[in-house]
């Protein structure tokens, strides 16, 4: 799969967890297999692991995080909270690469068209590559934003999902 910032549910399956995470892989499977059988599965799209790293690299955050995490004692909750808040702030203050921003906005517009509305209300949720794997139980550990209904809110919610600890992509549906 060539690097993409956004993948639609009909483009992914559980085999794509490394690019879209567990929730997205499952939603892709359900959308592709059940919609044609009359089951109402919401359509949507996912930002990819490549997009996550692209965002970090575009803003130099990937390099800024290395010294921040060096020597981190995850058992020291005060230190963990301080480092986590600093990392999140860096991510939230970053700017989207122009093509990534355009891809997300275009996908939201297409999704709105799919549902024949200009102001589609969506949920934006995180989906990490380490969730829904054998031995990993992180359900509900990441961000979810409901009642998002403007392009600006979609961009903000995706950025907040990116800033979630160990998050790599967001789902919009």
N, C-alpha and C. Protein backbone atom coordinates (compact mmCIF):
# COMPACT_ATOMS: atom_id res chain seq x y z
N UNK A 1 0.85 -1.17 0.00
CA UNK A 1 0.00 0.00 0.00
C UNK A 1 0.90 1.24 0.00
N UNK A 2 0.71 2.13 -0.99
CA UNK A 2 1.46 3.37 -1.05
C UNK A 2 1.04 4.26 0.12
N UNK A 3 1.96 5.15 0.51
CA UNK A 3 1.64 6.02 1.65
C UNK A 3 0.44 6.89 1.31
N UNK A 4 -0.55 6.84 2.19
CA UNK A 4 -1.74 7.68 2.08
C UNK A 4 -2.01 8.29 3.44
N UNK A 5 -2.61 9.46 3.43
CA UNK A 5 -2.99 10.11 4.68
C UNK A 5 -4.34 9.62 5.18
N UNK A 6 -5.20 9.22 4.26
CA UNK A 6 -6.57 8.82 4.57
C UNK A 6 -6.90 7.55 3.82
N UNK A 7 -7.56 6.62 4.49
CA UNK A 7 -8.10 5.42 3.85
C UNK A 7 -9.57 5.29 4.24
N UNK A 8 -10.40 4.92 3.27
CA UNK A 8 -11.82 4.72 3.51
C UNK A 8 -12.07 3.33 4.07
N UNK A 9 -13.18 3.17 4.78
CA UNK A 9 -13.51 1.87 5.35
C UNK A 9 -13.54 0.77 4.30
N UNK A 10 -14.00 1.08 3.09
CA UNK A 10 -14.04 0.04 2.05
C UNK A 10 -12.66 -0.32 1.51
N UNK A 11 -11.62 0.38 1.96
CA UNK A 11 -10.25 0.10 1.54
C UNK A 11 -9.47 -0.71 2.56
N UNK A 12 -10.05 -0.95 3.75
CA UNK A 12 -9.27 -1.59 4.82
C UNK A 12 -9.99 -2.81 5.38
N UNK A 13 -9.16 -3.70 5.93
CA UNK A 13 -9.66 -4.89 6.64
C UNK A 13 -8.81 -5.05 7.89
N UNK A 14 -9.07 -6.12 8.62
CA UNK A 14 -8.27 -6.39 9.82
C UNK A 14 -6.80 -6.63 9.48
N UNK A 15 -6.51 -6.93 8.23
CA UNK A 15 -5.12 -7.13 7.80
C UNK A 15 -4.34 -5.81 7.76
N UNK A 16 -5.06 -4.69 7.85
CA UNK A 16 -4.43 -3.37 7.75
C UNK A 16 -4.25 -2.68 9.10
N UNK A 17 -4.30 -3.44 10.18
CA UNK A 17 -4.20 -2.86 11.52
C UNK A 17 -2.92 -2.04 11.69
N UNK A 18 -1.83 -2.46 11.04
CA UNK A 18 -0.58 -1.71 11.16
C UNK A 18 -0.67 -0.31 10.57
N UNK A 19 -1.63 -0.06 9.68
CA UNK A 19 -1.80 1.25 9.08
C UNK A 19 -3.00 2.02 9.64
N UNK A 20 -4.04 1.30 10.08
CA UNK A 20 -5.27 1.99 10.48
C UNK A 20 -5.76 1.64 11.87
N UNK A 21 -5.11 0.72 12.57
CA UNK A 21 -5.52 0.36 13.91
C UNK A 21 -6.65 -0.66 13.94
N UNK A 22 -6.89 -1.17 15.13
CA UNK A 22 -7.86 -2.24 15.30
C UNK A 22 -9.30 -1.85 15.04
N UNK A 23 -9.73 -0.69 15.58
CA UNK A 23 -11.11 -0.25 15.36
C UNK A 23 -11.38 -0.05 13.87
N UNK A 24 -10.46 0.60 13.20
CA UNK A 24 -10.64 0.88 11.77
C UNK A 24 -10.64 -0.40 10.95
N UNK A 25 -9.75 -1.32 11.27
CA UNK A 25 -9.73 -2.59 10.54
C UNK A 25 -11.06 -3.31 10.68
N UNK A 26 -11.59 -3.33 11.90
CA UNK A 26 -12.88 -3.99 12.14
C UNK A 26 -14.03 -3.25 11.45
N UNK A 27 -14.03 -1.92 11.53
CA UNK A 27 -15.07 -1.15 10.85
C UNK A 27 -15.01 -1.36 9.34
N UNK A 28 -13.79 -1.42 8.80
CA UNK A 28 -13.64 -1.68 7.37
C UNK A 28 -14.22 -3.02 6.97
N UNK A 29 -13.92 -4.03 7.76
CA UNK A 29 -14.47 -5.37 7.48
C UNK A 29 -15.99 -5.36 7.54
N UNK A 30 -16.52 -4.75 8.59
CA UNK A 30 -17.98 -4.72 8.74
C UNK A 30 -18.63 -3.94 7.60
N UNK A 31 -18.06 -2.77 7.27
CA UNK A 31 -18.65 -1.95 6.21
C UNK A 31 -18.64 -2.72 4.88
N UNK A 32 -17.51 -3.30 4.55
CA UNK A 32 -17.39 -4.00 3.27
C UNK A 32 -18.24 -5.26 3.19
N UNK A 33 -18.33 -5.99 4.27
CA UNK A 33 -19.02 -7.27 4.23
C UNK A 33 -20.50 -7.20 4.59
N UNK A 34 -20.89 -6.28 5.47
CA UNK A 34 -22.25 -6.28 5.96
C UNK A 34 -23.17 -5.29 5.26
N UNK A 35 -22.62 -4.18 4.75
CA UNK A 35 -23.45 -3.18 4.09
C UNK A 35 -24.18 -3.79 2.90
N UNK A 36 -23.47 -4.58 2.12
CA UNK A 36 -24.11 -5.20 0.95
C UNK A 36 -25.19 -6.21 1.33
N UNK A 37 -25.19 -6.64 2.59
CA UNK A 37 -26.21 -7.58 3.08
C UNK A 37 -27.36 -6.85 3.78
N UNK A 38 -27.34 -5.52 3.72
CA UNK A 38 -28.42 -4.73 4.29
C UNK A 38 -28.21 -4.29 5.72
N UNK A 39 -27.06 -4.60 6.31
CA UNK A 39 -26.78 -4.16 7.67
C UNK A 39 -26.28 -2.71 7.60
N UNK A 40 -26.85 -1.86 8.42
CA UNK A 40 -26.51 -0.44 8.41
C UNK A 40 -25.22 -0.19 9.21
N UNK A 41 -24.10 -0.17 8.51
CA UNK A 41 -22.80 0.11 9.12
C UNK A 41 -22.38 1.48 8.61
N UNK A 42 -22.08 2.43 9.50
CA UNK A 42 -21.72 3.77 9.02
C UNK A 42 -20.45 3.76 8.19
N UNK A 43 -20.46 4.56 7.14
CA UNK A 43 -19.26 4.73 6.32
C UNK A 43 -18.35 5.75 7.01
N UNK A 44 -17.10 5.71 6.67
CA UNK A 44 -16.16 6.66 7.24
C UNK A 44 -14.78 6.46 6.68
N UNK A 45 -13.83 7.16 7.26
CA UNK A 45 -12.44 7.07 6.80
C UNK A 45 -11.52 7.14 8.01
N UNK A 46 -10.29 6.74 7.79
CA UNK A 46 -9.28 6.75 8.84
C UNK A 46 -8.06 7.52 8.37
N UNK A 47 -7.46 8.26 9.28
CA UNK A 47 -6.12 8.75 8.99
C UNK A 47 -5.17 7.58 9.28
N UNK A 48 -4.05 7.56 8.63
CA UNK A 48 -3.16 6.40 8.68
C UNK A 48 -1.98 6.60 9.63
N UNK A 49 -1.30 5.50 9.91
CA UNK A 49 -0.06 5.56 10.69
C UNK A 49 0.96 6.43 9.97
N UNK A 50 0.99 6.33 8.65
CA UNK A 50 1.91 7.18 7.87
C UNK A 50 1.58 8.65 8.09
N UNK A 51 0.28 8.99 8.12
CA UNK A 51 -0.12 10.38 8.34
C UNK A 51 0.31 10.85 9.72
N UNK A 52 0.17 9.98 10.72
CA UNK A 52 0.60 10.30 12.09
C UNK A 52 2.08 10.71 12.10
N UNK A 53 2.92 9.84 11.52
CA UNK A 53 4.36 10.13 11.52
C UNK A 53 4.68 11.33 10.65
N UNK A 54 3.96 11.49 9.56
CA UNK A 54 4.14 12.63 8.68
C UNK A 54 3.87 13.93 9.44
N UNK A 55 2.78 13.95 10.22
CA UNK A 55 2.43 15.12 11.03
C UNK A 55 3.55 15.43 12.02
N UNK A 56 4.02 14.40 12.72
CA UNK A 56 5.09 14.61 13.71
C UNK A 56 6.36 15.12 13.03
N UNK A 57 6.74 14.50 11.92
CA UNK A 57 7.96 14.92 11.22
C UNK A 57 7.83 16.32 10.64
N UNK A 58 6.70 16.64 10.06
CA UNK A 58 6.45 17.96 9.48
C UNK A 58 6.68 19.06 10.51
N UNK A 59 6.32 18.79 11.75
CA UNK A 59 6.46 19.77 12.83
C UNK A 59 7.73 19.61 13.65
N UNK A 60 8.58 18.63 13.30
CA UNK A 60 9.80 18.37 14.06
C UNK A 60 9.53 17.77 15.42
N UNK A 61 8.31 17.31 15.64
CA UNK A 61 7.92 16.79 16.95
C UNK A 61 8.59 15.45 17.22
N UNK A 62 8.79 14.65 16.18
CA UNK A 62 9.43 13.35 16.36
C UNK A 62 10.79 13.50 17.02
N UNK A 63 11.55 14.51 16.62
CA UNK A 63 12.87 14.76 17.21
C UNK A 63 12.76 15.42 18.59
N UNK A 64 11.77 16.25 18.79
CA UNK A 64 11.58 16.92 20.08
C UNK A 64 11.13 15.94 21.17
N UNK A 65 10.46 14.87 20.76
CA UNK A 65 9.97 13.90 21.73
C UNK A 65 11.10 13.02 22.29
N UNK A 66 12.14 12.79 21.52
CA UNK A 66 13.22 11.90 21.96
C UNK A 66 13.84 12.35 23.28
N UNK A 67 14.29 13.60 23.40
CA UNK A 67 14.86 14.01 24.70
C UNK A 67 13.80 14.07 25.81
N UNK A 68 12.56 14.34 25.42
CA UNK A 68 11.49 14.40 26.41
C UNK A 68 11.26 13.04 27.05
N UNK A 69 11.32 11.98 26.24
CA UNK A 69 11.07 10.62 26.74
C UNK A 69 12.32 9.94 27.28
N UNK A 70 13.49 10.50 27.00
CA UNK A 70 14.73 9.88 27.49
C UNK A 70 14.75 9.90 29.02
N UNK A 71 14.95 8.74 29.59
CA UNK A 71 15.00 8.62 31.04
C UNK A 71 13.65 8.66 31.73
N UNK A 72 12.57 8.58 30.95
CA UNK A 72 11.24 8.62 31.53
C UNK A 72 10.99 7.37 32.37
N UNK A 73 10.58 7.59 33.60
CA UNK A 73 10.20 6.49 34.50
C UNK A 73 8.68 6.42 34.50
N UNK A 74 8.12 5.45 33.78
CA UNK A 74 6.67 5.36 33.64
C UNK A 74 5.97 5.00 34.95
N UNK A 75 6.73 4.61 35.96
CA UNK A 75 6.14 4.32 37.26
C UNK A 75 6.01 5.58 38.12
N UNK A 76 6.69 6.66 37.70
CA UNK A 76 6.60 7.94 38.38
C UNK A 76 5.45 8.72 37.74
N UNK A 77 4.28 8.67 38.36
CA UNK A 77 3.10 9.25 37.75
C UNK A 77 3.19 10.76 37.56
N UNK A 78 3.86 11.45 38.47
CA UNK A 78 4.02 12.90 38.31
C UNK A 78 4.87 13.21 37.08
N UNK A 79 5.98 12.49 36.94
CA UNK A 79 6.84 12.68 35.77
C UNK A 79 6.11 12.28 34.49
N UNK A 80 5.41 11.18 34.54
CA UNK A 80 4.66 10.70 33.37
C UNK A 80 3.62 11.73 32.93
N UNK A 81 2.90 12.30 33.89
CA UNK A 81 1.90 13.31 33.56
C UNK A 81 2.54 14.55 32.96
N UNK A 82 3.66 14.99 33.54
CA UNK A 82 4.35 16.18 33.04
C UNK A 82 4.84 15.96 31.61
N UNK A 83 5.47 14.82 31.35
CA UNK A 83 5.99 14.53 30.02
C UNK A 83 4.84 14.35 29.03
N UNK A 84 3.81 13.67 29.45
CA UNK A 84 2.65 13.45 28.58
C UNK A 84 2.00 14.78 28.20
N UNK A 85 1.83 15.66 29.16
CA UNK A 85 1.24 16.98 28.88
C UNK A 85 2.12 17.80 27.94
N UNK A 86 3.44 17.73 28.12
CA UNK A 86 4.35 18.47 27.24
C UNK A 86 4.28 17.92 25.81
N UNK A 87 4.24 16.60 25.68
CA UNK A 87 4.15 15.98 24.35
C UNK A 87 2.84 16.36 23.68
N UNK A 88 1.78 16.28 24.44
CA UNK A 88 0.46 16.61 23.88
C UNK A 88 0.40 18.06 23.43
N UNK A 89 0.97 18.96 24.21
CA UNK A 89 0.98 20.38 23.86
C UNK A 89 1.73 20.62 22.55
N UNK A 90 2.87 19.94 22.39
CA UNK A 90 3.62 20.07 21.14
C UNK A 90 2.76 19.66 19.94
N UNK A 91 2.08 18.55 20.09
CA UNK A 91 1.27 18.02 18.99
C UNK A 91 0.09 18.95 18.70
N UNK A 92 -0.57 19.41 19.74
CA UNK A 92 -1.72 20.30 19.54
C UNK A 92 -1.33 21.64 18.94
N UNK A 93 -0.10 22.09 19.19
CA UNK A 93 0.37 23.35 18.64
C UNK A 93 0.95 23.21 17.24
N UNK A 94 1.05 21.98 16.74
CA UNK A 94 1.58 21.75 15.40
C UNK A 94 0.60 22.17 14.32
N UNK A 95 1.11 22.26 13.11
CA UNK A 95 0.30 22.59 11.94
C UNK A 95 0.25 21.39 11.02
N UNK A 96 -0.88 21.18 10.38
CA UNK A 96 -1.00 20.11 9.41
C UNK A 96 -0.15 20.39 8.18
N UNK A 97 0.50 19.37 7.63
CA UNK A 97 1.07 19.54 6.28
C UNK A 97 -0.10 19.84 5.34
N UNK A 98 0.11 20.69 4.35
CA UNK A 98 -0.98 21.14 3.48
C UNK A 98 -1.73 19.97 2.83
N UNK A 99 -1.00 18.97 2.36
CA UNK A 99 -1.67 17.86 1.68
C UNK A 99 -2.46 16.99 2.65
N UNK A 100 -1.98 16.82 3.86
CA UNK A 100 -2.71 16.04 4.86
C UNK A 100 -4.01 16.76 5.24
N UNK A 101 -3.92 18.05 5.45
CA UNK A 101 -5.10 18.85 5.77
C UNK A 101 -6.11 18.76 4.63
N UNK A 102 -5.63 18.90 3.41
CA UNK A 102 -6.52 18.83 2.24
C UNK A 102 -7.17 17.45 2.13
N UNK A 103 -6.41 16.40 2.41
CA UNK A 103 -6.94 15.04 2.34
C UNK A 103 -8.06 14.82 3.36
N UNK A 104 -7.85 15.30 4.58
CA UNK A 104 -8.87 15.14 5.63
C UNK A 104 -10.12 15.93 5.28
N UNK A 105 -9.93 17.18 4.85
CA UNK A 105 -11.08 18.02 4.50
C UNK A 105 -11.84 17.46 3.29
N UNK A 106 -11.11 16.97 2.31
CA UNK A 106 -11.73 16.37 1.13
C UNK A 106 -12.53 15.12 1.52
N UNK A 107 -11.95 14.30 2.39
CA UNK A 107 -12.65 13.08 2.82
C UNK A 107 -13.92 13.43 3.60
N UNK A 108 -13.86 14.43 4.46
CA UNK A 108 -15.05 14.85 5.20
C UNK A 108 -16.13 15.36 4.24
N UNK A 109 -15.71 16.12 3.24
CA UNK A 109 -16.66 16.62 2.23
C UNK A 109 -17.28 15.45 1.46
N UNK A 110 -16.46 14.48 1.09
CA UNK A 110 -16.97 13.30 0.37
C UNK A 110 -17.93 12.50 1.26
N UNK A 111 -17.58 12.37 2.53
CA UNK A 111 -18.45 11.64 3.46
C UNK A 111 -19.78 12.36 3.61
N UNK A 112 -19.73 13.68 3.69
CA UNK A 112 -20.97 14.47 3.75
C UNK A 112 -21.81 14.24 2.49
N UNK A 113 -21.15 14.19 1.33
CA UNK A 113 -21.84 13.92 0.08
C UNK A 113 -22.46 12.53 0.06
N UNK A 114 -21.75 11.57 0.63
CA UNK A 114 -22.25 10.20 0.70
C UNK A 114 -23.59 10.16 1.45
N UNK A 115 -23.69 10.99 2.49
CA UNK A 115 -24.92 11.06 3.29
C UNK A 115 -25.84 12.19 2.84
N UNK A 116 -25.49 12.84 1.74
CA UNK A 116 -26.34 13.88 1.12
C UNK A 116 -26.65 15.03 2.08
N UNK A 117 -25.63 15.52 2.73
CA UNK A 117 -25.79 16.68 3.62
C UNK A 117 -24.51 17.50 3.58
N UNK A 118 -24.64 18.79 3.82
CA UNK A 118 -23.46 19.66 3.85
C UNK A 118 -22.85 19.76 5.23
N UNK A 119 -23.63 19.47 6.25
CA UNK A 119 -23.14 19.60 7.63
C UNK A 119 -23.32 18.27 8.35
N UNK A 120 -22.54 17.30 7.94
CA UNK A 120 -22.62 15.97 8.50
C UNK A 120 -22.08 15.96 9.94
N UNK A 121 -22.82 15.35 10.83
CA UNK A 121 -22.38 15.20 12.22
C UNK A 121 -21.67 13.86 12.32
N UNK A 122 -20.41 13.90 12.79
CA UNK A 122 -19.59 12.70 12.85
C UNK A 122 -19.00 12.50 14.24
N UNK A 123 -18.48 11.30 14.44
CA UNK A 123 -17.66 10.99 15.60
C UNK A 123 -16.22 10.88 15.11
N UNK A 124 -15.30 11.39 15.88
CA UNK A 124 -13.88 11.26 15.57
C UNK A 124 -13.25 10.53 16.74
N UNK A 125 -12.68 9.36 16.45
CA UNK A 125 -12.15 8.50 17.51
C UNK A 125 -10.74 8.07 17.17
N UNK A 126 -10.00 7.74 18.19
CA UNK A 126 -8.65 7.22 17.98
C UNK A 126 -8.70 5.73 17.71
N UNK A 127 -7.64 5.25 17.06
CA UNK A 127 -7.50 3.82 16.81
C UNK A 127 -6.01 3.53 16.70
N UNK A 128 -5.46 2.89 17.71
CA UNK A 128 -4.02 2.62 17.75
C UNK A 128 -3.70 1.25 17.18
N UNK A 129 -2.50 1.11 16.65
CA UNK A 129 -2.10 -0.17 16.05
C UNK A 129 -1.89 -1.24 17.09
N UNK A 130 -1.73 -0.89 18.36
CA UNK A 130 -1.49 -1.88 19.40
C UNK A 130 -2.78 -2.31 20.10
N UNK A 131 -3.91 -1.75 19.70
CA UNK A 131 -5.16 -2.15 20.34
C UNK A 131 -5.78 -3.32 19.59
N UNK A 132 -6.65 -4.00 20.26
CA UNK A 132 -7.37 -5.14 19.67
C UNK A 132 -6.43 -6.25 19.21
N UNK A 133 -5.29 -6.36 19.85
CA UNK A 133 -4.36 -7.44 19.56
C UNK A 133 -4.37 -8.43 20.72
N UNK A 134 -3.94 -9.64 20.46
CA UNK A 134 -3.85 -10.63 21.54
C UNK A 134 -2.92 -10.09 22.62
N UNK A 135 -3.37 -10.07 23.85
CA UNK A 135 -2.54 -9.60 24.96
C UNK A 135 -2.57 -8.10 25.18
N UNK A 136 -3.32 -7.36 24.37
CA UNK A 136 -3.41 -5.91 24.54
C UNK A 136 -4.86 -5.53 24.78
N UNK A 137 -5.11 -4.86 25.88
CA UNK A 137 -6.47 -4.43 26.19
C UNK A 137 -6.45 -2.93 26.46
N UNK A 138 -6.72 -2.14 25.44
CA UNK A 138 -6.70 -0.69 25.60
C UNK A 138 -8.00 -0.04 25.17
N UNK A 139 -9.06 -0.82 25.05
CA UNK A 139 -10.35 -0.27 24.63
C UNK A 139 -10.75 0.87 25.55
N UNK A 140 -11.14 1.98 24.95
CA UNK A 140 -11.59 3.13 25.71
C UNK A 140 -10.47 3.98 26.29
N UNK A 141 -9.23 3.64 25.98
CA UNK A 141 -8.10 4.36 26.56
C UNK A 141 -7.73 5.61 25.78
N UNK A 142 -8.29 5.78 24.61
CA UNK A 142 -7.93 6.92 23.77
C UNK A 142 -9.11 7.86 23.58
N UNK A 143 -8.89 8.89 22.81
CA UNK A 143 -9.86 9.98 22.66
C UNK A 143 -11.04 9.64 21.75
N UNK A 144 -12.19 10.24 22.07
CA UNK A 144 -13.39 10.18 21.25
C UNK A 144 -14.05 11.55 21.30
N UNK A 145 -14.43 12.06 20.14
CA UNK A 145 -15.12 13.35 20.05
C UNK A 145 -16.41 13.14 19.27
N UNK A 146 -17.52 13.52 19.86
CA UNK A 146 -18.83 13.31 19.28
C UNK A 146 -19.44 14.63 18.82
N UNK A 147 -20.43 14.53 17.93
CA UNK A 147 -21.17 15.69 17.45
C UNK A 147 -20.29 16.73 16.76
N UNK A 148 -19.31 16.25 16.01
CA UNK A 148 -18.43 17.11 15.24
C UNK A 148 -19.13 17.39 13.92
N UNK A 149 -19.32 18.69 13.57
CA UNK A 149 -20.13 18.96 12.38
C UNK A 149 -19.62 20.08 11.48
N UNK A 150 -18.37 20.44 11.62
CA UNK A 150 -17.78 21.40 10.68
C UNK A 150 -16.38 20.91 10.29
N UNK A 151 -15.90 21.33 9.13
CA UNK A 151 -14.55 20.94 8.73
C UNK A 151 -13.48 21.35 9.77
N UNK A 152 -13.62 22.55 10.34
CA UNK A 152 -12.66 23.01 11.35
C UNK A 152 -12.69 22.11 12.58
N UNK A 153 -13.88 21.69 13.01
CA UNK A 153 -14.00 20.80 14.17
C UNK A 153 -13.40 19.43 13.87
N UNK A 154 -13.57 18.95 12.63
CA UNK A 154 -12.97 17.67 12.25
C UNK A 154 -11.45 17.76 12.37
N UNK A 155 -10.87 18.82 11.82
CA UNK A 155 -9.41 18.98 11.90
C UNK A 155 -8.93 19.05 13.34
N UNK A 156 -9.64 19.79 14.17
CA UNK A 156 -9.25 19.93 15.59
C UNK A 156 -9.37 18.60 16.32
N UNK A 157 -10.45 17.88 16.06
CA UNK A 157 -10.65 16.59 16.73
C UNK A 157 -9.60 15.57 16.29
N UNK A 158 -9.27 15.55 15.01
CA UNK A 158 -8.23 14.63 14.54
C UNK A 158 -6.91 14.97 15.22
N UNK A 159 -6.59 16.25 15.33
CA UNK A 159 -5.34 16.66 15.99
C UNK A 159 -5.34 16.23 17.46
N UNK A 160 -6.47 16.36 18.12
CA UNK A 160 -6.56 15.93 19.52
C UNK A 160 -6.37 14.42 19.64
N UNK A 161 -6.91 13.70 18.67
CA UNK A 161 -6.71 12.24 18.67
C UNK A 161 -5.24 11.91 18.44
N UNK A 162 -4.60 12.63 17.53
CA UNK A 162 -3.17 12.41 17.27
C UNK A 162 -2.37 12.62 18.55
N UNK A 163 -2.82 13.58 19.36
CA UNK A 163 -2.08 13.90 20.59
C UNK A 163 -2.30 12.91 21.72
N UNK A 164 -3.25 12.00 21.54
CA UNK A 164 -3.46 10.97 22.57
C UNK A 164 -2.20 10.12 22.69
N UNK A 165 -1.89 9.73 23.89
CA UNK A 165 -0.69 8.93 24.14
C UNK A 165 -0.72 7.65 23.32
N UNK A 166 0.34 7.42 22.57
CA UNK A 166 0.53 6.23 21.74
C UNK A 166 -0.51 6.10 20.63
N UNK A 167 -1.11 7.20 20.24
CA UNK A 167 -2.12 7.17 19.18
C UNK A 167 -1.44 7.35 17.84
N UNK A 168 -2.01 6.74 16.83
CA UNK A 168 -1.43 6.87 15.50
C UNK A 168 -2.39 7.30 14.43
N UNK A 169 -3.68 7.27 14.66
CA UNK A 169 -4.60 7.70 13.65
C UNK A 169 -5.96 7.95 14.25
N UNK A 170 -6.80 8.57 13.48
CA UNK A 170 -8.16 8.87 13.93
C UNK A 170 -9.15 8.27 12.95
N UNK A 171 -10.35 8.04 13.43
CA UNK A 171 -11.44 7.52 12.61
C UNK A 171 -12.49 8.61 12.52
N UNK A 172 -13.06 8.82 11.37
CA UNK A 172 -14.17 9.75 11.24
C UNK A 172 -15.32 8.98 10.61
N UNK A 173 -16.46 8.96 11.30
CA UNK A 173 -17.65 8.30 10.75
C UNK A 173 -18.89 8.88 11.37
